[in-house]
Amino acid sequence: MAGTSRHDREMAMNAKKQLSVCSNPVERLRLQCLARGSSGIKGLSRTFKIMDDNNNRSLDFKEFMKGLNDYGVLMEKEEAMECFQQFDRDRNGTIDFDEFLITLRPPMSKARKEVVMQAFRKLDKSGDGVITIEDLRGVYNAKYHPKYQNGEWTEDQVFRKFLDSFDSPYDKDGKVTQEEFMNYYAGVSASIDTDVYFIVMMRNAWKI
């Protein structure tokens, strides 16, 4: 997956460039997340999850502002309000958490989503909708990892590191859900122009 870190760097640079000319508040928020790499949107979603004290999976404007500040997103109050209003479709003063993430996630074509799901299903050997260390045995070969080869890491440590790259930087639980996997690849996808190239990259990476 060495290519992914290169895509990450390219995407972060592109996002920073676009930020200087972008005026749409939702797009600006998306770009600020993408400037942190593929896991940027995931990180923001975890920040909001932590703040959702009553677990109702929705945020009011005050919580939204606090989440942006906690995550280090720079936004004037007026811009944040405009952004919030774009997410608050039914105008009830709160935004639905899942709707927020889907809107913020860079758009992906049907073909790209399909190949991401194929990779997910291949890795999710048990078929329970979550990828764990157990699922990776026999699917992901740890023996080629340099730190495994020099004896620094065990096979399980390689697997855990691999899962952590899809997981949020703030709440690594060693499990990767379908949503986290899709969020991660939506970030990678944002830096790849053509569907064909994205699909070839995914097929090569996961042998699908």
N, C-alpha and C. Protein backbone atom coordinates (compact mmCIF):
# COMPACT_ATOMS: atom_id res chain seq x y z
N MET A 1 0.83 -1.21 0.00
CA MET A 1 0.00 0.00 0.00
C MET A 1 0.86 1.27 0.00
N ALA A 2 2.09 1.13 -0.49
CA ALA A 2 3.00 2.29 -0.47
C ALA A 2 2.43 3.44 -1.28
N GLY A 3 1.69 3.09 -2.34
CA GLY A 3 1.12 4.14 -3.19
C GLY A 3 0.19 5.06 -2.43
N THR A 4 -0.46 4.51 -1.40
CA THR A 4 -1.46 5.29 -0.68
C THR A 4 -0.85 6.51 0.00
N SER A 5 0.35 6.34 0.58
CA SER A 5 0.94 7.48 1.28
C SER A 5 1.33 8.57 0.28
N ARG A 6 1.70 8.15 -0.94
CA ARG A 6 2.01 9.15 -1.97
C ARG A 6 0.73 9.90 -2.37
N HIS A 7 -0.37 9.13 -2.54
CA HIS A 7 -1.65 9.77 -2.86
C HIS A 7 -2.05 10.72 -1.75
N ASP A 8 -1.80 10.29 -0.52
CA ASP A 8 -2.13 11.12 0.64
C ASP A 8 -1.43 12.47 0.56
N ARG A 9 -0.14 12.42 0.25
CA ARG A 9 0.63 13.67 0.17
C ARG A 9 0.12 14.56 -0.96
N GLU A 10 -0.15 13.93 -2.12
CA GLU A 10 -0.65 14.68 -3.27
C GLU A 10 -2.00 15.33 -2.95
N MET A 11 -2.85 14.53 -2.29
CA MET A 11 -4.18 15.02 -1.98
C MET A 11 -4.11 16.18 -0.99
N ALA A 12 -3.26 16.06 0.02
CA ALA A 12 -3.12 17.12 1.02
C ALA A 12 -2.64 18.42 0.35
N MET A 13 -1.68 18.27 -0.57
CA MET A 13 -1.16 19.45 -1.26
C MET A 13 -2.23 20.09 -2.14
N ASN A 14 -2.97 19.25 -2.88
CA ASN A 14 -4.04 19.77 -3.74
C ASN A 14 -5.11 20.48 -2.93
N ALA A 15 -5.46 19.88 -1.78
CA ALA A 15 -6.51 20.46 -0.93
C ALA A 15 -6.07 21.83 -0.43
N LYS A 16 -4.80 21.94 -0.04
CA LYS A 16 -4.30 23.23 0.46
C LYS A 16 -4.35 24.29 -0.65
N LYS A 17 -3.99 23.86 -1.87
CA LYS A 17 -4.02 24.79 -3.00
C LYS A 17 -5.45 25.28 -3.26
N GLN A 18 -6.39 24.33 -3.28
CA GLN A 18 -7.79 24.66 -3.60
C GLN A 18 -8.41 25.55 -2.52
N LEU A 19 -7.95 25.36 -1.28
CA LEU A 19 -8.50 26.14 -0.17
C LEU A 19 -8.36 27.64 -0.40
N SER A 20 -7.25 28.02 -1.02
CA SER A 20 -6.99 29.45 -1.20
C SER A 20 -7.96 30.11 -2.18
N VAL A 21 -8.61 29.29 -3.02
CA VAL A 21 -9.53 29.88 -4.01
C VAL A 21 -10.99 29.48 -3.79
N CYS A 22 -11.24 28.62 -2.81
CA CYS A 22 -12.59 28.08 -2.62
C CYS A 22 -13.40 28.97 -1.67
N SER A 23 -14.67 29.21 -2.02
CA SER A 23 -15.48 30.06 -1.14
C SER A 23 -16.68 29.32 -0.53
N ASN A 24 -17.04 28.16 -1.08
CA ASN A 24 -18.18 27.42 -0.53
C ASN A 24 -17.80 26.84 0.85
N PRO A 25 -18.58 27.17 1.92
CA PRO A 25 -18.16 26.75 3.26
C PRO A 25 -18.06 25.24 3.46
N VAL A 26 -18.99 24.48 2.84
CA VAL A 26 -18.94 23.02 2.99
C VAL A 26 -17.70 22.46 2.30
N GLU A 27 -17.44 22.99 1.09
CA GLU A 27 -16.26 22.56 0.34
C GLU A 27 -14.98 22.93 1.09
N ARG A 28 -14.98 24.09 1.73
CA ARG A 28 -13.81 24.54 2.50
C ARG A 28 -13.55 23.62 3.70
N LEU A 29 -14.65 23.22 4.34
CA LEU A 29 -14.50 22.30 5.48
C LEU A 29 -13.95 20.96 4.99
N ARG A 30 -14.48 20.49 3.86
CA ARG A 30 -13.99 19.23 3.29
C ARG A 30 -12.50 19.33 2.96
N LEU A 31 -12.11 20.45 2.34
CA LEU A 31 -10.70 20.64 1.96
C LEU A 31 -9.79 20.72 3.18
N GLN A 32 -10.27 21.38 4.24
CA GLN A 32 -9.45 21.46 5.46
C GLN A 32 -9.22 20.06 6.04
N CYS A 33 -10.24 19.20 5.92
CA CYS A 33 -10.07 17.81 6.39
C CYS A 33 -9.12 17.05 5.46
N LEU A 34 -9.31 17.20 4.15
CA LEU A 34 -8.48 16.46 3.19
C LEU A 34 -7.02 16.91 3.25
N ALA A 35 -6.80 18.16 3.67
CA ALA A 35 -5.42 18.65 3.79
C ALA A 35 -4.67 17.87 4.87
N ARG A 36 -5.41 17.11 5.68
CA ARG A 36 -4.76 16.28 6.71
C ARG A 36 -4.55 14.84 6.24
N GLY A 37 -4.89 14.59 4.96
CA GLY A 37 -4.71 13.23 4.44
C GLY A 37 -6.02 12.45 4.46
N SER A 38 -5.94 11.18 4.06
CA SER A 38 -7.14 10.36 3.89
C SER A 38 -7.96 10.22 5.16
N SER A 39 -7.31 10.30 6.31
CA SER A 39 -8.05 10.07 7.55
C SER A 39 -8.63 11.36 8.12
N GLY A 40 -8.51 12.47 7.38
CA GLY A 40 -8.96 13.76 7.90
C GLY A 40 -10.44 13.82 8.24
N ILE A 41 -11.28 13.31 7.34
CA ILE A 41 -12.72 13.36 7.57
C ILE A 41 -13.10 12.42 8.70
N LYS A 42 -12.41 11.27 8.74
CA LYS A 42 -12.65 10.30 9.81
C LYS A 42 -12.34 10.91 11.17
N GLY A 43 -11.22 11.66 11.22
CA GLY A 43 -10.82 12.29 12.48
C GLY A 43 -11.86 13.28 12.97
N LEU A 44 -12.40 14.06 12.03
CA LEU A 44 -13.44 15.03 12.40
C LEU A 44 -14.69 14.31 12.89
N SER A 45 -15.03 13.20 12.23
CA SER A 45 -16.23 12.47 12.64
C SER A 45 -16.07 11.92 14.06
N ARG A 46 -14.86 11.46 14.40
CA ARG A 46 -14.63 10.97 15.76
C ARG A 46 -14.73 12.09 16.79
N THR A 47 -14.22 13.28 16.41
CA THR A 47 -14.32 14.43 17.32
C THR A 47 -15.78 14.72 17.63
N PHE A 48 -16.62 14.67 16.58
CA PHE A 48 -18.05 14.91 16.80
C PHE A 48 -18.69 13.80 17.62
N LYS A 49 -18.26 12.56 17.39
CA LYS A 49 -18.83 11.43 18.15
C LYS A 49 -18.57 11.62 19.64
N ILE A 50 -17.34 12.05 19.95
CA ILE A 50 -16.97 12.24 21.35
C ILE A 50 -17.85 13.33 21.97
N MET A 51 -18.19 14.35 21.16
CA MET A 51 -18.96 15.47 21.68
C MET A 51 -20.44 15.20 21.80
N ASP A 52 -20.90 14.17 21.12
CA ASP A 52 -22.34 13.86 21.12
C ASP A 52 -22.68 13.19 22.45
N ASP A 53 -22.75 14.01 23.50
CA ASP A 53 -22.88 13.48 24.86
C ASP A 53 -24.12 12.61 25.06
N ASN A 54 -25.24 13.03 24.47
CA ASN A 54 -26.47 12.26 24.72
C ASN A 54 -26.69 11.16 23.69
N ASN A 55 -25.68 10.91 22.84
CA ASN A 55 -25.73 9.82 21.85
C ASN A 55 -26.97 9.85 20.97
N ASN A 56 -27.46 11.05 20.63
CA ASN A 56 -28.64 11.10 19.75
C ASN A 56 -28.24 11.24 18.29
N ARG A 57 -26.93 11.14 18.03
CA ARG A 57 -26.38 11.20 16.68
C ARG A 57 -26.79 12.47 15.93
N SER A 58 -26.93 13.56 16.68
CA SER A 58 -27.13 14.85 16.02
C SER A 58 -26.40 15.93 16.81
N LEU A 59 -26.13 17.04 16.15
CA LEU A 59 -25.37 18.13 16.76
C LEU A 59 -26.10 19.44 16.58
N ASP A 60 -26.12 20.26 17.63
CA ASP A 60 -26.63 21.62 17.44
C ASP A 60 -25.45 22.53 17.07
N PHE A 61 -25.74 23.79 16.81
CA PHE A 61 -24.70 24.68 16.29
C PHE A 61 -23.54 24.84 17.28
N LYS A 62 -23.87 24.91 18.59
CA LYS A 62 -22.84 25.11 19.61
C LYS A 62 -21.88 23.91 19.61
N GLU A 63 -22.45 22.70 19.55
CA GLU A 63 -21.63 21.48 19.52
C GLU A 63 -20.80 21.45 18.23
N PHE A 64 -21.42 21.85 17.14
CA PHE A 64 -20.74 21.88 15.84
C PHE A 64 -19.52 22.80 15.89
N MET A 65 -19.72 24.01 16.45
CA MET A 65 -18.61 24.97 16.58
C MET A 65 -17.49 24.41 17.46
N LYS A 66 -17.90 23.80 18.57
CA LYS A 66 -16.91 23.27 19.51
C LYS A 66 -16.11 22.13 18.85
N GLY A 67 -16.83 21.30 18.08
CA GLY A 67 -16.16 20.20 17.37
C GLY A 67 -15.12 20.71 16.39
N LEU A 68 -15.48 21.75 15.64
CA LEU A 68 -14.54 22.33 14.68
C LEU A 68 -13.31 22.87 15.41
N ASN A 69 -13.55 23.58 16.52
CA ASN A 69 -12.43 24.13 17.28
C ASN A 69 -11.55 23.05 17.86
N ASP A 70 -12.19 22.01 18.44
CA ASP A 70 -11.42 20.91 19.04
C ASP A 70 -10.54 20.22 18.00
N TYR A 71 -11.05 20.16 16.78
CA TYR A 71 -10.31 19.47 15.72
C TYR A 71 -9.30 20.40 15.04
N GLY A 72 -9.38 21.68 15.39
CA GLY A 72 -8.41 22.62 14.83
C GLY A 72 -8.77 23.13 13.45
N VAL A 73 -10.08 23.10 13.11
CA VAL A 73 -10.51 23.65 11.81
C VAL A 73 -10.74 25.14 11.99
N LEU A 74 -10.12 25.93 11.14
CA LEU A 74 -10.24 27.38 11.25
C LEU A 74 -11.43 27.86 10.45
N MET A 75 -12.40 28.42 11.16
CA MET A 75 -13.59 28.90 10.47
C MET A 75 -14.22 30.04 11.26
N GLU A 76 -14.51 31.13 10.56
CA GLU A 76 -15.22 32.24 11.21
C GLU A 76 -16.63 31.77 11.56
N LYS A 77 -17.20 32.42 12.60
CA LYS A 77 -18.52 32.00 13.07
C LYS A 77 -19.57 32.09 11.95
N GLU A 78 -19.51 33.18 11.15
CA GLU A 78 -20.49 33.36 10.07
C GLU A 78 -20.38 32.23 9.04
N GLU A 79 -19.12 31.88 8.72
CA GLU A 79 -18.89 30.81 7.73
C GLU A 79 -19.38 29.47 8.29
N ALA A 80 -19.09 29.25 9.58
CA ALA A 80 -19.53 28.00 10.23
C ALA A 80 -21.06 27.92 10.23
N MET A 81 -21.71 29.05 10.47
CA MET A 81 -23.18 29.08 10.48
C MET A 81 -23.73 28.75 9.09
N GLU A 82 -23.12 29.32 8.07
CA GLU A 82 -23.55 29.04 6.69
C GLU A 82 -23.37 27.56 6.37
N CYS A 83 -22.25 27.01 6.82
CA CYS A 83 -21.94 25.60 6.62
C CYS A 83 -22.99 24.74 7.35
N PHE A 84 -23.25 25.09 8.60
CA PHE A 84 -24.21 24.36 9.43
C PHE A 84 -25.58 24.35 8.75
N GLN A 85 -25.97 25.53 8.21
CA GLN A 85 -27.29 25.62 7.58
C GLN A 85 -27.39 24.76 6.32
N GLN A 86 -26.26 24.58 5.64
CA GLN A 86 -26.28 23.70 4.45
C GLN A 86 -26.50 22.24 4.85
N PHE A 87 -25.99 21.88 6.05
CA PHE A 87 -26.19 20.50 6.52
C PHE A 87 -27.56 20.30 7.15
N ASP A 88 -28.08 21.38 7.75
CA ASP A 88 -29.38 21.30 8.45
C ASP A 88 -30.51 21.39 7.43
N ARG A 89 -30.74 20.28 6.75
CA ARG A 89 -31.67 20.27 5.62
C ARG A 89 -33.12 20.57 6.04
N ASP A 90 -33.51 20.01 7.19
CA ASP A 90 -34.92 20.19 7.58
C ASP A 90 -35.12 21.42 8.48
N ARG A 91 -34.03 22.22 8.62
CA ARG A 91 -34.10 23.49 9.36
C ARG A 91 -34.62 23.34 10.79
N ASN A 92 -34.21 22.26 11.47
CA ASN A 92 -34.69 22.10 12.85
C ASN A 92 -33.63 22.49 13.88
N GLY A 93 -32.53 23.10 13.40
CA GLY A 93 -31.51 23.59 14.33
C GLY A 93 -30.48 22.55 14.75
N THR A 94 -30.60 21.34 14.20
CA THR A 94 -29.56 20.32 14.47
C THR A 94 -29.18 19.65 13.15
N ILE A 95 -27.99 19.05 13.13
CA ILE A 95 -27.62 18.31 11.93
C ILE A 95 -27.45 16.84 12.26
N ASP A 96 -27.93 16.03 11.37
CA ASP A 96 -27.84 14.58 11.52
C ASP A 96 -26.41 14.15 11.22
N PHE A 97 -25.87 13.41 12.18
CA PHE A 97 -24.48 13.00 12.14
C PHE A 97 -24.10 12.25 10.86
N ASP A 98 -24.93 11.25 10.50
CA ASP A 98 -24.60 10.41 9.34
C ASP A 98 -24.72 11.20 8.04
N GLU A 99 -25.75 12.05 8.00
CA GLU A 99 -25.96 12.88 6.82
C GLU A 99 -24.78 13.83 6.63
N PHE A 100 -24.31 14.36 7.76
CA PHE A 100 -23.17 15.27 7.75
C PHE A 100 -21.95 14.60 7.13
N LEU A 101 -21.66 13.36 7.57
CA LEU A 101 -20.48 12.65 7.07
C LEU A 101 -20.60 12.31 5.59
N ILE A 102 -21.80 11.91 5.20
CA ILE A 102 -22.00 11.53 3.79
C ILE A 102 -21.83 12.76 2.90
N THR A 103 -22.33 13.91 3.37
CA THR A 103 -22.20 15.15 2.59
C THR A 103 -20.75 15.60 2.52
N LEU A 104 -20.04 15.41 3.62
CA LEU A 104 -18.66 15.88 3.70
C LEU A 104 -17.69 14.97 2.92
N ARG A 105 -18.03 13.70 2.88
CA ARG A 105 -17.16 12.74 2.18
C ARG A 105 -17.05 13.13 0.70
N PRO A 106 -15.83 13.17 0.15
CA PRO A 106 -15.71 13.52 -1.28
C PRO A 106 -16.54 12.55 -2.11
N PRO A 107 -17.27 13.06 -3.11
CA PRO A 107 -18.13 12.17 -3.90
C PRO A 107 -17.33 11.09 -4.62
N MET A 108 -17.90 9.89 -4.66
CA MET A 108 -17.26 8.79 -5.39
C MET A 108 -18.26 8.21 -6.38
N SER A 109 -17.76 7.81 -7.54
CA SER A 109 -18.66 7.20 -8.52
C SER A 109 -19.10 5.82 -8.03
N LYS A 110 -20.17 5.31 -8.65
CA LYS A 110 -20.70 4.00 -8.28
C LYS A 110 -19.63 2.92 -8.47
N ALA A 111 -18.86 3.04 -9.57
CA ALA A 111 -17.82 2.05 -9.87
C ALA A 111 -16.75 2.03 -8.78
N ARG A 112 -16.39 3.20 -8.28
CA ARG A 112 -15.37 3.27 -7.22
C ARG A 112 -15.90 2.66 -5.92
N LYS A 113 -17.15 3.01 -5.59
CA LYS A 113 -17.73 2.46 -4.35
C LYS A 113 -17.77 0.94 -4.41
N GLU A 114 -18.12 0.44 -5.58
CA GLU A 114 -18.25 -1.01 -5.76
C GLU A 114 -16.91 -1.73 -5.50
N VAL A 115 -15.82 -1.17 -6.05
CA VAL A 115 -14.52 -1.83 -5.89
C VAL A 115 -14.03 -1.70 -4.43
N VAL A 116 -14.37 -0.60 -3.76
CA VAL A 116 -14.02 -0.45 -2.33
C VAL A 116 -14.77 -1.51 -1.52
N MET A 117 -16.04 -1.72 -1.85
CA MET A 117 -16.82 -2.74 -1.13
C MET A 117 -16.30 -4.14 -1.41
N GLN A 118 -15.83 -4.38 -2.63
CA GLN A 118 -15.23 -5.70 -2.93
C GLN A 118 -14.02 -5.95 -2.03
N ALA A 119 -13.18 -4.91 -1.89
CA ALA A 119 -12.00 -5.03 -1.03
C ALA A 119 -12.42 -5.27 0.42
N PHE A 120 -13.44 -4.53 0.86
CA PHE A 120 -13.90 -4.68 2.24
C PHE A 120 -14.40 -6.11 2.49
N ARG A 121 -15.22 -6.61 1.54
CA ARG A 121 -15.77 -7.97 1.72
C ARG A 121 -14.67 -9.02 1.73
N LYS A 122 -13.61 -8.78 0.94
CA LYS A 122 -12.50 -9.74 0.92
C LYS A 122 -11.79 -9.76 2.27
N LEU A 123 -11.59 -8.57 2.85
CA LEU A 123 -10.88 -8.49 4.13
C LEU A 123 -11.75 -8.94 5.30
N ASP A 124 -13.05 -8.70 5.18
CA ASP A 124 -13.97 -9.08 6.27
C ASP A 124 -14.33 -10.55 6.13
N LYS A 125 -13.35 -11.41 6.50
CA LYS A 125 -13.52 -12.85 6.25
C LYS A 125 -14.73 -13.43 6.99
N SER A 126 -14.97 -12.92 8.20
CA SER A 126 -16.07 -13.48 9.00
C SER A 126 -17.44 -12.97 8.52
N GLY A 127 -17.43 -11.89 7.70
CA GLY A 127 -18.68 -11.39 7.14
C GLY A 127 -19.57 -10.66 8.15
N ASP A 128 -18.97 -10.18 9.26
CA ASP A 128 -19.80 -9.52 10.27
C ASP A 128 -19.83 -8.00 10.13
N GLY A 129 -19.24 -7.48 9.03
CA GLY A 129 -19.30 -6.04 8.79
C GLY A 129 -18.20 -5.24 9.48
N VAL A 130 -17.26 -5.94 10.11
CA VAL A 130 -16.13 -5.27 10.78
C VAL A 130 -14.85 -6.04 10.47
N ILE A 131 -13.78 -5.32 10.11
CA ILE A 131 -12.50 -6.00 9.87
C ILE A 131 -11.69 -5.99 11.16
N THR A 132 -11.23 -7.18 11.58
CA THR A 132 -10.42 -7.29 12.81
C THR A 132 -9.10 -7.99 12.47
N ILE A 133 -8.23 -8.08 13.46
CA ILE A 133 -6.95 -8.79 13.26
C ILE A 133 -7.20 -10.23 12.81
N GLU A 134 -8.21 -10.88 13.41
CA GLU A 134 -8.53 -12.27 13.05
C GLU A 134 -8.87 -12.38 11.56
N ASP A 135 -9.64 -11.40 11.06
CA ASP A 135 -10.03 -11.42 9.65
C ASP A 135 -8.81 -11.35 8.72
N LEU A 136 -7.78 -10.62 9.18
CA LEU A 136 -6.63 -10.37 8.29
C LEU A 136 -5.74 -11.59 8.10
N ARG A 137 -5.79 -12.52 9.05
CA ARG A 137 -4.93 -13.70 8.92
C ARG A 137 -5.25 -14.44 7.62
N GLY A 138 -4.23 -14.68 6.82
CA GLY A 138 -4.46 -15.42 5.58
C GLY A 138 -4.91 -14.54 4.42
N VAL A 139 -5.27 -13.29 4.71
CA VAL A 139 -5.70 -12.39 3.63
C VAL A 139 -4.61 -11.35 3.37
N TYR A 140 -4.03 -10.86 4.47
CA TYR A 140 -2.99 -9.83 4.36
C TYR A 140 -1.69 -10.45 4.84
N ASN A 141 -0.66 -10.43 4.01
CA ASN A 141 0.58 -11.09 4.35
C ASN A 141 1.52 -10.14 5.09
N ALA A 142 1.73 -10.43 6.37
CA ALA A 142 2.58 -9.56 7.20
C ALA A 142 4.06 -9.82 6.98
N LYS A 143 4.37 -10.96 6.35
CA LYS A 143 5.78 -11.39 6.29
C LYS A 143 6.66 -10.50 5.42
N TYR A 144 6.01 -9.69 4.56
CA TYR A 144 6.80 -8.79 3.71
C TYR A 144 7.09 -7.46 4.38
N HIS A 145 6.47 -7.26 5.53
CA HIS A 145 6.65 -5.96 6.20
C HIS A 145 8.07 -5.87 6.75
N PRO A 146 8.79 -4.77 6.45
CA PRO A 146 10.19 -4.66 6.88
C PRO A 146 10.39 -4.85 8.39
N LYS A 147 9.45 -4.36 9.19
CA LYS A 147 9.62 -4.47 10.64
C LYS A 147 9.38 -5.90 11.14
N TYR A 148 8.59 -6.66 10.36
CA TYR A 148 8.43 -8.08 10.69
C TYR A 148 9.70 -8.83 10.31
N GLN A 149 10.25 -8.47 9.14
CA GLN A 149 11.45 -9.15 8.65
C GLN A 149 12.65 -8.93 9.56
N ASN A 150 12.76 -7.72 10.15
CA ASN A 150 13.94 -7.51 11.01
C ASN A 150 13.67 -7.89 12.48
N GLY A 151 12.50 -8.49 12.71
CA GLY A 151 12.22 -9.01 14.05
C GLY A 151 11.71 -7.98 15.05
N GLU A 152 11.50 -6.75 14.57
CA GLU A 152 11.07 -5.68 15.48
C GLU A 152 9.60 -5.85 15.89
N TRP A 153 8.76 -6.29 14.93
CA TRP A 153 7.33 -6.45 15.20
C TRP A 153 6.90 -7.89 15.03
N THR A 154 5.86 -8.29 15.77
CA THR A 154 5.22 -9.59 15.55
C THR A 154 4.21 -9.44 14.41
N GLU A 155 3.69 -10.56 13.97
CA GLU A 155 2.67 -10.53 12.91
C GLU A 155 1.46 -9.72 13.36
N ASP A 156 1.04 -9.91 14.62
CA ASP A 156 -0.12 -9.17 15.14
C ASP A 156 0.12 -7.66 15.16
N GLN A 157 1.36 -7.26 15.46
CA GLN A 157 1.67 -5.82 15.47
C GLN A 157 1.57 -5.23 14.07
N VAL A 158 1.99 -6.01 13.07
CA VAL A 158 1.88 -5.55 11.67
C VAL A 158 0.40 -5.39 11.31
N PHE A 159 -0.41 -6.39 11.69
CA PHE A 159 -1.85 -6.32 11.41
C PHE A 159 -2.48 -5.10 12.08
N ARG A 160 -2.08 -4.88 13.33
CA ARG A 160 -2.69 -3.77 14.09
C ARG A 160 -2.33 -2.42 13.45
N LYS A 161 -1.08 -2.31 13.02
CA LYS A 161 -0.63 -1.08 12.36
C LYS A 161 -1.43 -0.85 11.08
N PHE A 162 -1.65 -1.95 10.37
CA PHE A 162 -2.41 -1.89 9.12
C PHE A 162 -3.84 -1.40 9.41
N LEU A 163 -4.49 -1.98 10.41
CA LEU A 163 -5.86 -1.58 10.75
C LEU A 163 -5.90 -0.13 11.22
N ASP A 164 -4.87 0.29 11.97
CA ASP A 164 -4.84 1.66 12.49
C ASP A 164 -4.83 2.70 11.37
N SER A 165 -4.28 2.32 10.20
CA SER A 165 -4.23 3.31 9.12
C SER A 165 -5.63 3.64 8.61
N PHE A 166 -6.59 2.72 8.80
CA PHE A 166 -7.97 2.99 8.38
C PHE A 166 -8.78 3.58 9.52
N ASP A 167 -8.30 3.33 10.75
CA ASP A 167 -9.04 3.76 11.93
C ASP A 167 -8.78 5.22 12.19
N SER A 168 -9.58 5.81 13.07
CA SER A 168 -9.38 7.22 13.37
C SER A 168 -8.14 7.41 14.23
N PRO A 169 -7.39 8.50 14.00
CA PRO A 169 -6.18 8.71 14.80
C PRO A 169 -6.47 8.87 16.29
N TYR A 170 -7.72 9.20 16.66
CA TYR A 170 -7.99 9.50 18.07
C TYR A 170 -8.66 8.37 18.82
N ASP A 171 -9.05 7.33 18.13
CA ASP A 171 -9.82 6.30 18.80
C ASP A 171 -9.55 4.97 18.12
N LYS A 172 -8.32 4.52 18.22
CA LYS A 172 -7.95 3.29 17.53
C LYS A 172 -8.43 2.09 18.34
N ASP A 173 -9.40 1.36 17.79
CA ASP A 173 -9.94 0.22 18.55
C ASP A 173 -9.59 -1.11 17.90
N GLY A 174 -8.74 -1.06 16.84
CA GLY A 174 -8.34 -2.33 16.20
C GLY A 174 -9.44 -2.94 15.36
N LYS A 175 -10.51 -2.19 15.14
CA LYS A 175 -11.61 -2.69 14.30
C LYS A 175 -11.89 -1.62 13.25
N VAL A 176 -12.20 -2.07 12.04
CA VAL A 176 -12.51 -1.12 10.97
C VAL A 176 -13.90 -1.43 10.42
N THR A 177 -14.80 -0.46 10.54
CA THR A 177 -16.17 -0.66 10.03
C THR A 177 -16.21 -0.32 8.54
N GLN A 178 -17.33 -0.72 7.93
CA GLN A 178 -17.54 -0.43 6.51
C GLN A 178 -17.47 1.08 6.27
N GLU A 179 -18.07 1.85 7.19
CA GLU A 179 -18.10 3.31 7.06
C GLU A 179 -16.69 3.90 7.12
N GLU A 180 -15.86 3.38 8.06
CA GLU A 180 -14.49 3.88 8.19
C GLU A 180 -13.67 3.54 6.94
N PHE A 181 -13.87 2.35 6.43
CA PHE A 181 -13.14 1.90 5.24
C PHE A 181 -13.52 2.79 4.05
N MET A 182 -14.83 3.05 3.92
CA MET A 182 -15.33 3.88 2.81
C MET A 182 -14.84 5.32 2.96
N ASN A 183 -14.86 5.85 4.20
CA ASN A 183 -14.37 7.21 4.44
C ASN A 183 -12.91 7.34 4.05
N TYR A 184 -12.12 6.33 4.42
CA TYR A 184 -10.69 6.35 4.12
C TYR A 184 -10.48 6.40 2.60
N TYR A 185 -11.17 5.51 1.89
CA TYR A 185 -10.95 5.45 0.43
C TYR A 185 -11.60 6.62 -0.30
N ALA A 186 -12.61 7.26 0.31
CA ALA A 186 -13.15 8.48 -0.29
C ALA A 186 -12.05 9.54 -0.30
N GLY A 187 -11.24 9.55 0.76
CA GLY A 187 -10.10 10.47 0.83
C GLY A 187 -9.07 10.16 -0.23
N VAL A 188 -8.71 8.88 -0.35
CA VAL A 188 -7.73 8.46 -1.37
C VAL A 188 -8.28 8.79 -2.76
N SER A 189 -9.55 8.48 -2.95
CA SER A 189 -10.21 8.68 -4.25
C SER A 189 -10.15 10.14 -4.70
N ALA A 190 -10.20 11.05 -3.73
CA ALA A 190 -10.21 12.49 -4.06
C ALA A 190 -8.95 12.91 -4.80
N SER A 191 -7.87 12.13 -4.63
CA SER A 191 -6.61 12.54 -5.27
C SER A 191 -6.39 11.81 -6.60
N ILE A 192 -7.35 10.97 -7.00
CA ILE A 192 -7.17 10.18 -8.23
C ILE A 192 -8.23 10.58 -9.25
N ASP A 193 -7.77 11.05 -10.40
CA ASP A 193 -8.70 11.66 -11.37
C ASP A 193 -9.63 10.67 -12.05
N THR A 194 -9.09 9.54 -12.49
CA THR A 194 -9.94 8.67 -13.31
C THR A 194 -10.39 7.43 -12.56
N ASP A 195 -11.62 7.01 -12.87
CA ASP A 195 -12.15 5.77 -12.27
C ASP A 195 -11.26 4.58 -12.61
N VAL A 196 -10.82 4.55 -13.85
CA VAL A 196 -10.02 3.38 -14.31
C VAL A 196 -8.77 3.23 -13.45
N TYR A 197 -8.07 4.33 -13.24
CA TYR A 197 -6.83 4.27 -12.45
C TYR A 197 -7.13 3.86 -11.00
N PHE A 198 -8.19 4.41 -10.43
CA PHE A 198 -8.56 4.08 -9.04
C PHE A 198 -8.87 2.58 -8.93
N ILE A 199 -9.66 2.08 -9.89
CA ILE A 199 -10.07 0.66 -9.84
C ILE A 199 -8.86 -0.26 -10.01
N VAL A 200 -7.97 0.09 -10.94
CA VAL A 200 -6.75 -0.72 -11.14
C VAL A 200 -5.91 -0.72 -9.85
N MET A 201 -5.78 0.44 -9.24
CA MET A 201 -5.00 0.54 -7.99
C MET A 201 -5.61 -0.36 -6.91
N MET A 202 -6.93 -0.32 -6.76
CA MET A 202 -7.60 -1.14 -5.75
C MET A 202 -7.46 -2.63 -6.05
N ARG A 203 -7.64 -2.98 -7.32
CA ARG A 203 -7.54 -4.41 -7.68
C ARG A 203 -6.13 -4.94 -7.43
N ASN A 204 -5.13 -4.13 -7.78
CA ASN A 204 -3.74 -4.55 -7.53
C ASN A 204 -3.42 -4.65 -6.05
N ALA A 205 -3.90 -3.65 -5.30
CA ALA A 205 -3.59 -3.62 -3.87
C ALA A 205 -4.23 -4.80 -3.13
N TRP A 206 -5.44 -5.16 -3.52
CA TRP A 206 -6.17 -6.20 -2.78
C TRP A 206 -6.34 -7.51 -3.54
N LYS A 207 -5.73 -7.59 -4.74
CA LYS A 207 -5.82 -8.82 -5.55
C LYS A 207 -7.28 -9.23 -5.73
N ILE A 208 -8.08 -8.28 -6.24
CA ILE A 208 -9.50 -8.62 -6.45
C ILE A 208 -9.84 -8.56 -7.94
